[in-house]
Amino acid sequence: MKTHIIFFGVLIAGFIVFNLFFQTGNDRTDTAINIIYASVLFGYISFMAFSLLKKMKK
């Protein structure tokens, strides 16, 4: 589980770095990238929760 949390921290750091330094300049493109990135983050949260529940079941 520790590797999942470290990987999630790296994803969060990438999200923050993108929003601070690597924006494209086009608001619509930045918004689309933020929505897609946030969807990946929430998907990974659900994967971590599912794997934790699966471990607890055993």
C-alpha atoms as a PDB file:
ATOM      1  CA  MET A   1       0.000   0.000   0.000  1.00  0.00           C
ATOM      2  CA  LYS A   2       2.964   2.280   0.611  1.00  0.00           C
ATOM      3  CA  THR A   3       3.912   2.250  -3.073  1.00  0.00           C
ATOM      4  CA  HIS A   4       0.360   3.255  -4.004  1.00  0.00           C
ATOM      5  CA  ILE A   5       0.519   6.270  -1.722  1.00  0.00           C
ATOM      6  CA  ILE A   6       3.941   7.308  -3.034  1.00  0.00           C
ATOM      7  CA  PHE A   7       2.730   7.011  -6.629  1.00  0.00           C
ATOM      8  CA  PHE A   8      -0.378   9.047  -5.760  1.00  0.00           C
ATOM      9  CA  GLY A   9       1.869  11.717  -4.224  1.00  0.00           C
ATOM     10  CA  VAL A  10       3.881  11.843  -7.440  1.00  0.00           C
ATOM     11  CA  LEU A  11       0.656  12.254  -9.437  1.00  0.00           C
ATOM     12  CA  ILE A  12      -0.448  15.120  -7.170  1.00  0.00           C
ATOM     13  CA  ALA A  13       2.969  16.771  -7.490  1.00  0.00           C
ATOM     14  CA  GLY A  14       2.741  16.469 -11.287  1.00  0.00           C
ATOM     15  CA  PHE A  15      -0.680  18.109 -11.222  1.00  0.00           C
ATOM     16  CA  ILE A  16       0.623  21.025  -9.165  1.00  0.00           C
ATOM     17  CA  VAL A  17       3.756  21.428 -11.303  1.00  0.00           C
ATOM     18  CA  PHE A  18       1.678  21.458 -14.481  1.00  0.00           C
ATOM     19  CA  ASN A  19      -0.633  24.140 -13.125  1.00  0.00           C
ATOM     20  CA  LEU A  20       2.240  26.307 -11.919  1.00  0.00           C
ATOM     21  CA  PHE A  21       4.809  26.000 -14.716  1.00  0.00           C
ATOM     22  CA  PHE A  22       3.657  24.111 -17.813  1.00  0.00           C
ATOM     23  CA  GLN A  23       0.375  25.685 -18.839  1.00  0.00           C
ATOM     24  CA  THR A  24      -0.236  25.953 -22.562  1.00  0.00           C
ATOM     25  CA  GLY A  25      -1.632  29.476 -22.530  1.00  0.00           C
ATOM     26  CA  ASN A  26      -4.968  28.440 -24.006  1.00  0.00           C
ATOM     27  CA  ASP A  27      -7.629  28.376 -21.301  1.00  0.00           C
ATOM     28  CA  ARG A  28      -9.747  25.718 -22.986  1.00  0.00           C
ATOM     29  CA  THR A  29      -6.789  23.356 -23.411  1.00  0.00           C
ATOM     30  CA  ASP A  30      -5.631  23.909 -19.835  1.00  0.00           C
ATOM     31  CA  THR A  31      -9.129  23.205 -18.554  1.00  0.00           C
ATOM     32  CA  ALA A  32      -9.380  20.002 -20.609  1.00  0.00           C
ATOM     33  CA  ILE A  33      -5.979  18.796 -19.359  1.00  0.00           C
ATOM     34  CA  ASN A  34      -6.957  19.591 -15.745  1.00  0.00           C
ATOM     35  CA  ILE A  35     -10.237  17.681 -16.098  1.00  0.00           C
ATOM     36  CA  ILE A  36      -8.499  14.647 -17.598  1.00  0.00           C
ATOM     37  CA  TYR A  37      -5.740  14.717 -14.974  1.00  0.00           C
ATOM     38  CA  ALA A  38      -8.279  15.048 -12.149  1.00  0.00           C
ATOM     39  CA  SER A  39     -10.221  12.105 -13.586  1.00  0.00           C
ATOM     40  CA  VAL A  40      -7.053   9.999 -13.517  1.00  0.00           C
ATOM     41  CA  LEU A  41      -6.409  11.055  -9.907  1.00  0.00           C
ATOM     42  CA  PHE A  42      -9.936  10.146  -8.792  1.00  0.00           C
ATOM     43  CA  GLY A  43      -9.725   6.867 -10.695  1.00  0.00           C
ATOM     44  CA  TYR A  44      -6.497   6.020  -8.902  1.00  0.00           C
ATOM     45  CA  ILE A  45      -8.098   6.868  -5.547  1.00  0.00           C
ATOM     46  CA  SER A  46     -10.922   4.440  -6.339  1.00  0.00           C
ATOM     47  CA  PHE A  47      -8.383   1.779  -7.366  1.00  0.00           C
ATOM     48  CA  MET A  48      -6.543   2.217  -4.047  1.00  0.00           C
ATOM     49  CA  ALA A  49      -9.810   1.949  -2.115  1.00  0.00           C
ATOM     50  CA  PHE A  50     -10.835  -1.161  -4.049  1.00  0.00           C
ATOM     51  CA  SER A  51      -7.494  -2.848  -3.449  1.00  0.00           C
ATOM     52  CA  LEU A  52      -7.631  -1.962   0.260  1.00  0.00           C
ATOM     53  CA  LEU A  53     -11.113  -3.436   0.593  1.00  0.00           C
ATOM     54  CA  LYS A  54      -9.972  -6.535  -1.246  1.00  0.00           C
ATOM     55  CA  LYS A  55      -7.064  -6.944   1.200  1.00  0.00           C
ATOM     56  CA  MET A  56      -9.369  -6.434   4.180  1.00  0.00           C
ATOM     57  CA  LYS A  57     -11.747  -9.103   2.885  1.00  0.00           C
ATOM     58  CA  LYS A  58      -9.016 -11.735   3.015  1.00  0.00           C
END
